[in-house]
Amino acid sequence: MNGDTAVQLIWFAGAFTLVLSALVVRRLPAADWIKLGLAWVAIFALVFLAVWTFQAARGA
């Protein structure tokens, strides 16, 4: 594991912790947890894909 990978892993763990803590504090039913969790996964996936696409376009 190089330094960049470690930083990305730490960033992901921190972001995941913030999202999870926000859901826990709201004390929602399980069905709402699933919907909100999937929404957050979609948000992070879209941001990841946007950054990845931008980096690929700059490298080409």
PDB file of N, CA and C in Angstrom:
ATOM      1  N   MET A   1       0.852  -1.171   0.000  1.00  0.00           N
ATOM      2  CA  MET A   1       0.000   0.000   0.000  1.00  0.00           C
ATOM      3  C   MET A   1       0.895   1.230   0.000  1.00  0.00           C
ATOM      4  N   ASN A   2       0.659   2.128  -0.968  1.00  0.00           N
ATOM      5  CA  ASN A   2       1.452   3.352  -0.997  1.00  0.00           C
ATOM      6  C   ASN A   2       0.734   4.458  -0.237  1.00  0.00           C
ATOM      7  N   GLY A   3       1.355   5.627  -0.176  1.00  0.00           N
ATOM      8  CA  GLY A   3       0.804   6.738   0.600  1.00  0.00           C
ATOM      9  C   GLY A   3      -0.531   7.228   0.089  1.00  0.00           C
ATOM     10  N   ASP A   4      -0.677   7.267  -1.239  1.00  0.00           N
ATOM     11  CA  ASP A   4      -1.945   7.737  -1.811  1.00  0.00           C
ATOM     12  C   ASP A   4      -3.099   6.811  -1.448  1.00  0.00           C
ATOM     13  N   THR A   5      -2.856   5.523  -1.510  1.00  0.00           N
ATOM     14  CA  THR A   5      -3.895   4.556  -1.176  1.00  0.00           C
ATOM     15  C   THR A   5      -4.283   4.671   0.298  1.00  0.00           C
ATOM     16  N   ALA A   6      -3.303   4.872   1.150  1.00  0.00           N
ATOM     17  CA  ALA A   6      -3.586   5.009   2.583  1.00  0.00           C
ATOM     18  C   ALA A   6      -4.430   6.244   2.853  1.00  0.00           C
ATOM     19  N   VAL A   7      -4.114   7.344   2.191  1.00  0.00           N
ATOM     20  CA  VAL A   7      -4.885   8.574   2.382  1.00  0.00           C
ATOM     21  C   VAL A   7      -6.315   8.387   1.885  1.00  0.00           C
ATOM     22  N   GLN A   8      -6.476   7.740   0.739  1.00  0.00           N
ATOM     23  CA  GLN A   8      -7.820   7.498   0.219  1.00  0.00           C
ATOM     24  C   GLN A   8      -8.625   6.588   1.149  1.00  0.00           C
ATOM     25  N   LEU A   9      -7.964   5.598   1.710  1.00  0.00           N
ATOM     26  CA  LEU A   9      -8.642   4.690   2.634  1.00  0.00           C
ATOM     27  C   LEU A   9      -9.072   5.417   3.907  1.00  0.00           C
ATOM     28  N   ILE A  10      -8.220   6.276   4.414  1.00  0.00           N
ATOM     29  CA  ILE A  10      -8.553   7.061   5.611  1.00  0.00           C
ATOM     30  C   ILE A  10      -9.704   8.014   5.306  1.00  0.00           C
ATOM     31  N   TRP A  11      -9.670   8.654   4.129  1.00  0.00           N
ATOM     32  CA  TRP A  11     -10.742   9.569   3.752  1.00  0.00           C
ATOM     33  C   TRP A  11     -12.073   8.822   3.651  1.00  0.00           C
ATOM     34  N   PHE A  12     -12.065   7.659   3.020  1.00  0.00           N
ATOM     35  CA  PHE A  12     -13.286   6.875   2.885  1.00  0.00           C
ATOM     36  C   PHE A  12     -13.819   6.451   4.245  1.00  0.00           C
ATOM     37  N   ALA A  13     -12.937   6.012   5.136  1.00  0.00           N
ATOM     38  CA  ALA A  13     -13.370   5.600   6.475  1.00  0.00           C
ATOM     39  C   ALA A  13     -13.984   6.779   7.229  1.00  0.00           C
ATOM     40  N   GLY A  14     -13.377   7.952   7.113  1.00  0.00           N
ATOM     41  CA  GLY A  14     -13.921   9.139   7.776  1.00  0.00           C
ATOM     42  C   GLY A  14     -15.270   9.546   7.212  1.00  0.00           C
ATOM     43  N   ALA A  15     -15.404   9.524   5.893  1.00  0.00           N
ATOM     44  CA  ALA A  15     -16.676   9.877   5.267  1.00  0.00           C
ATOM     45  C   ALA A  15     -17.760   8.878   5.648  1.00  0.00           C
ATOM     46  N   PHE A  16     -17.409   7.598   5.638  1.00  0.00           N
ATOM     47  CA  PHE A  16     -18.368   6.555   6.016  1.00  0.00           C
ATOM     48  C   PHE A  16     -18.804   6.721   7.471  1.00  0.00           C
ATOM     49  N   THR A  17     -17.869   7.058   8.351  1.00  0.00           N
ATOM     50  CA  THR A  17     -18.190   7.263   9.763  1.00  0.00           C
ATOM     51  C   THR A  17     -19.142   8.440   9.945  1.00  0.00           C
ATOM     52  N   LEU A  18     -18.914   9.523   9.215  1.00  0.00           N
ATOM     53  CA  LEU A  18     -19.810  10.676   9.316  1.00  0.00           C
ATOM     54  C   LEU A  18     -21.227  10.328   8.864  1.00  0.00           C
ATOM     55  N   VAL A  19     -21.340   9.623   7.760  1.00  0.00           N
ATOM     56  CA  VAL A  19     -22.663   9.245   7.254  1.00  0.00           C
ATOM     57  C   VAL A  19     -23.348   8.293   8.223  1.00  0.00           C
ATOM     58  N   LEU A  20     -22.623   7.305   8.690  1.00  0.00           N
ATOM     59  CA  LEU A  20     -23.200   6.329   9.613  1.00  0.00           C
ATOM     60  C   LEU A  20     -23.640   6.990  10.920  1.00  0.00           C
ATOM     61  N   SER A  21     -22.830   7.897  11.452  1.00  0.00           N
ATOM     62  CA  SER A  21     -23.200   8.568  12.701  1.00  0.00           C
ATOM     63  C   SER A  21     -24.430   9.447  12.509  1.00  0.00           C
ATOM     64  N   ALA A  22     -24.558  10.074  11.337  1.00  0.00           N
ATOM     65  CA  ALA A  22     -25.743  10.888  11.067  1.00  0.00           C
ATOM     66  C   ALA A  22     -27.002  10.027  11.036  1.00  0.00           C
ATOM     67  N   LEU A  23     -26.890   8.824  10.478  1.00  0.00           N
ATOM     68  CA  LEU A  23     -28.050   7.935  10.442  1.00  0.00           C
ATOM     69  C   LEU A  23     -28.391   7.395  11.822  1.00  0.00           C
ATOM     70  N   VAL A  24     -27.392   7.096  12.635  1.00  0.00           N
ATOM     71  CA  VAL A  24     -27.633   6.554  13.970  1.00  0.00           C
ATOM     72  C   VAL A  24     -28.318   7.591  14.857  1.00  0.00           C
ATOM     73  N   VAL A  25     -27.900   8.837  14.765  1.00  0.00           N
ATOM     74  CA  VAL A  25     -28.462   9.890  15.613  1.00  0.00           C
ATOM     75  C   VAL A  25     -29.935  10.120  15.308  1.00  0.00           C
ATOM     76  N   ARG A  26     -30.334   9.910  14.065  1.00  0.00           N
ATOM     77  CA  ARG A  26     -31.732  10.149  13.685  1.00  0.00           C
ATOM     78  C   ARG A  26     -32.680   9.070  14.189  1.00  0.00           C
ATOM     79  N   ARG A  27     -32.189   7.910  14.592  1.00  0.00           N
ATOM     80  CA  ARG A  27     -32.986   6.805  15.137  1.00  0.00           C
ATOM     81  C   ARG A  27     -34.176   6.454  14.231  1.00  0.00           C
ATOM     82  N   LEU A  28     -33.861   6.120  13.007  1.00  0.00           N
ATOM     83  CA  LEU A  28     -34.888   5.816  12.010  1.00  0.00           C
ATOM     84  C   LEU A  28     -35.221   4.320  11.994  1.00  0.00           C
ATOM     85  N   PRO A  29     -36.397   3.978  11.473  1.00  0.00           N
ATOM     86  CA  PRO A  29     -36.727   2.564  11.262  1.00  0.00           C
ATOM     87  C   PRO A  29     -35.775   1.933  10.235  1.00  0.00           C
ATOM     88  N   ALA A  30     -35.692   0.617  10.249  1.00  0.00           N
ATOM     89  CA  ALA A  30     -34.741  -0.098   9.398  1.00  0.00           C
ATOM     90  C   ALA A  30     -34.981   0.162   7.911  1.00  0.00           C
ATOM     91  N   ALA A  31     -36.231   0.252   7.486  1.00  0.00           N
ATOM     92  CA  ALA A  31     -36.521   0.490   6.063  1.00  0.00           C
ATOM     93  C   ALA A  31     -35.966   1.846   5.619  1.00  0.00           C
ATOM     94  N   ASP A  32     -36.083   2.843   6.468  1.00  0.00           N
ATOM     95  CA  ASP A  32     -35.546   4.160   6.139  1.00  0.00           C
ATOM     96  C   ASP A  32     -34.016   4.138   6.127  1.00  0.00           C
ATOM     97  N   TRP A  33     -33.412   3.346   7.008  1.00  0.00           N
ATOM     98  CA  TRP A  33     -31.950   3.182   7.027  1.00  0.00           C
ATOM     99  C   TRP A  33     -31.470   2.679   5.678  1.00  0.00           C
ATOM    100  N   ILE A  34     -32.169   1.683   5.159  1.00  0.00           N
ATOM    101  CA  ILE A  34     -31.756   1.078   3.900  1.00  0.00           C
ATOM    102  C   ILE A  34     -31.865   2.097   2.763  1.00  0.00           C
ATOM    103  N   LYS A  35     -32.981   2.824   2.718  1.00  0.00           N
ATOM    104  CA  LYS A  35     -33.160   3.818   1.661  1.00  0.00           C
ATOM    105  C   LYS A  35     -32.107   4.913   1.743  1.00  0.00           C
ATOM    106  N   LEU A  36     -31.880   5.435   2.937  1.00  0.00           N
ATOM    107  CA  LEU A  36     -30.882   6.490   3.093  1.00  0.00           C
ATOM    108  C   LEU A  36     -29.473   5.977   2.829  1.00  0.00           C
ATOM    109  N   GLY A  37     -29.196   4.762   3.267  1.00  0.00           N
ATOM    110  CA  GLY A  37     -27.883   4.176   3.016  1.00  0.00           C
ATOM    111  C   GLY A  37     -27.619   4.021   1.529  1.00  0.00           C
ATOM    112  N   LEU A  38     -28.618   3.545   0.800  1.00  0.00           N
ATOM    113  CA  LEU A  38     -28.460   3.404  -0.650  1.00  0.00           C
ATOM    114  C   LEU A  38     -28.317   4.759  -1.332  1.00  0.00           C
ATOM    115  N   ALA A  39     -29.015   5.758  -0.817  1.00  0.00           N
ATOM    116  CA  ALA A  39     -28.872   7.105  -1.380  1.00  0.00           C
ATOM    117  C   ALA A  39     -27.448   7.620  -1.178  1.00  0.00           C
ATOM    118  N   TRP A  40     -26.882   7.409   0.018  1.00  0.00           N
ATOM    119  CA  TRP A  40     -25.505   7.844   0.277  1.00  0.00           C
ATOM    120  C   TRP A  40     -24.508   7.083  -0.577  1.00  0.00           C
ATOM    121  N   VAL A  41     -24.729   5.795  -0.766  1.00  0.00           N
ATOM    122  CA  VAL A  41     -23.845   5.013  -1.631  1.00  0.00           C
ATOM    123  C   VAL A  41     -23.897   5.565  -3.052  1.00  0.00           C
ATOM    124  N   ALA A  42     -25.084   5.907  -3.517  1.00  0.00           N
ATOM    125  CA  ALA A  42     -25.227   6.464  -4.861  1.00  0.00           C
ATOM    126  C   ALA A  42     -24.512   7.809  -4.976  1.00  0.00           C
ATOM    127  N   ILE A  43     -24.626   8.643  -3.951  1.00  0.00           N
ATOM    128  CA  ILE A  43     -23.956   9.945  -3.968  1.00  0.00           C
ATOM    129  C   ILE A  43     -22.443   9.760  -4.047  1.00  0.00           C
ATOM    130  N   PHE A  44     -21.890   8.912  -3.191  1.00  0.00           N
ATOM    131  CA  PHE A  44     -20.449   8.695  -3.198  1.00  0.00           C
ATOM    132  C   PHE A  44     -19.999   8.060  -4.509  1.00  0.00           C
ATOM    133  N   ALA A  45     -20.804   7.161  -5.075  1.00  0.00           N
ATOM    134  CA  ALA A  45     -20.447   6.533  -6.342  1.00  0.00           C
ATOM    135  C   ALA A  45     -20.419   7.567  -7.465  1.00  0.00           C
ATOM    136  N   LEU A  46     -21.387   8.468  -7.492  1.00  0.00           N
ATOM    137  CA  LEU A  46     -21.411   9.503  -8.517  1.00  0.00           C
ATOM    138  C   LEU A  46     -20.218  10.443  -8.399  1.00  0.00           C
ATOM    139  N   VAL A  47     -19.879  10.827  -7.181  1.00  0.00           N
ATOM    140  CA  VAL A  47     -18.712  11.694  -6.978  1.00  0.00           C
ATOM    141  C   VAL A  47     -17.441  10.963  -7.404  1.00  0.00           C
ATOM    142  N   PHE A  48     -17.326   9.699  -7.019  1.00  0.00           N
ATOM    143  CA  PHE A  48     -16.158   8.911  -7.394  1.00  0.00           C
ATOM    144  C   PHE A  48     -16.031   8.815  -8.910  1.00  0.00           C
ATOM    145  N   LEU A  49     -17.139   8.512  -9.586  1.00  0.00           N
ATOM    146  CA  LEU A  49     -17.115   8.400 -11.045  1.00  0.00           C
ATOM    147  C   LEU A  49     -16.796   9.736 -11.713  1.00  0.00           C
ATOM    148  N   ALA A  50     -17.306  10.823 -11.165  1.00  0.00           N
ATOM    149  CA  ALA A  50     -17.017  12.141 -11.731  1.00  0.00           C
ATOM    150  C   ALA A  50     -15.530  12.468 -11.605  1.00  0.00           C
ATOM    151  N   VAL A  51     -14.957  12.215 -10.446  1.00  0.00           N
ATOM    152  CA  VAL A  51     -13.533  12.480 -10.249  1.00  0.00           C
ATOM    153  C   VAL A  51     -12.700  11.565 -11.126  1.00  0.00           C
ATOM    154  N   TRP A  52     -13.068  10.310 -11.196  1.00  0.00           N
ATOM    155  CA  TRP A  52     -12.323   9.337 -12.001  1.00  0.00           C
ATOM    156  C   TRP A  52     -12.373   9.722 -13.485  1.00  0.00           C
ATOM    157  N   THR A  53     -13.547  10.135 -13.958  1.00  0.00           N
ATOM    158  CA  THR A  53     -13.696  10.558 -15.348  1.00  0.00           C
ATOM    159  C   THR A  53     -12.868  11.806 -15.620  1.00  0.00           C
ATOM    160  N   PHE A  54     -12.897  12.756 -14.702  1.00  0.00           N
ATOM    161  CA  PHE A  54     -12.128  13.989 -14.859  1.00  0.00           C
ATOM    162  C   PHE A  54     -10.627  13.681 -14.923  1.00  0.00           C
ATOM    163  N   GLN A  55     -10.158  12.805 -14.057  1.00  0.00           N
ATOM    164  CA  GLN A  55      -8.746  12.450 -14.051  1.00  0.00           C
ATOM    165  C   GLN A  55      -8.365  11.702 -15.326  1.00  0.00           C
ATOM    166  N   ALA A  56      -9.238  10.829 -15.814  1.00  0.00           N
ATOM    167  CA  ALA A  56      -8.960  10.093 -17.045  1.00  0.00           C
ATOM    168  C   ALA A  56      -8.911  11.035 -18.245  1.00  0.00           C
ATOM    169  N   ALA A  57      -9.778  12.032 -18.248  1.00  0.00           N
ATOM    170  CA  ALA A  57      -9.808  12.987 -19.351  1.00  0.00           C
ATOM    171  C   ALA A  57      -8.559  13.856 -19.365  1.00  0.00           C
ATOM    172  N   ARG A  58      -8.068  14.206 -18.203  1.00  0.00           N
ATOM    173  CA  ARG A  58      -6.851  15.026 -18.126  1.00  0.00           C
ATOM    174  C   ARG A  58      -5.623  14.221 -18.506  1.00  0.00           C
ATOM    175  N   GLY A  59      -5.632  12.921 -18.223  1.00  0.00           N
ATOM    176  CA  GLY A  59      -4.475  12.089 -18.518  1.00  0.00           C
ATOM    177  C   GLY A  59      -4.366  11.710 -19.988  1.00  0.00           C
ATOM    178  N   ALA A  60      -5.463  11.805 -20.700  1.00  0.00           N
ATOM    179  CA  ALA A  60      -5.466  11.378 -22.116  1.00  0.00           C
ATOM    180  C   ALA A  60      -4.848  12.410 -23.024  1.00  0.00           C
TER     181      ALA A  60
END
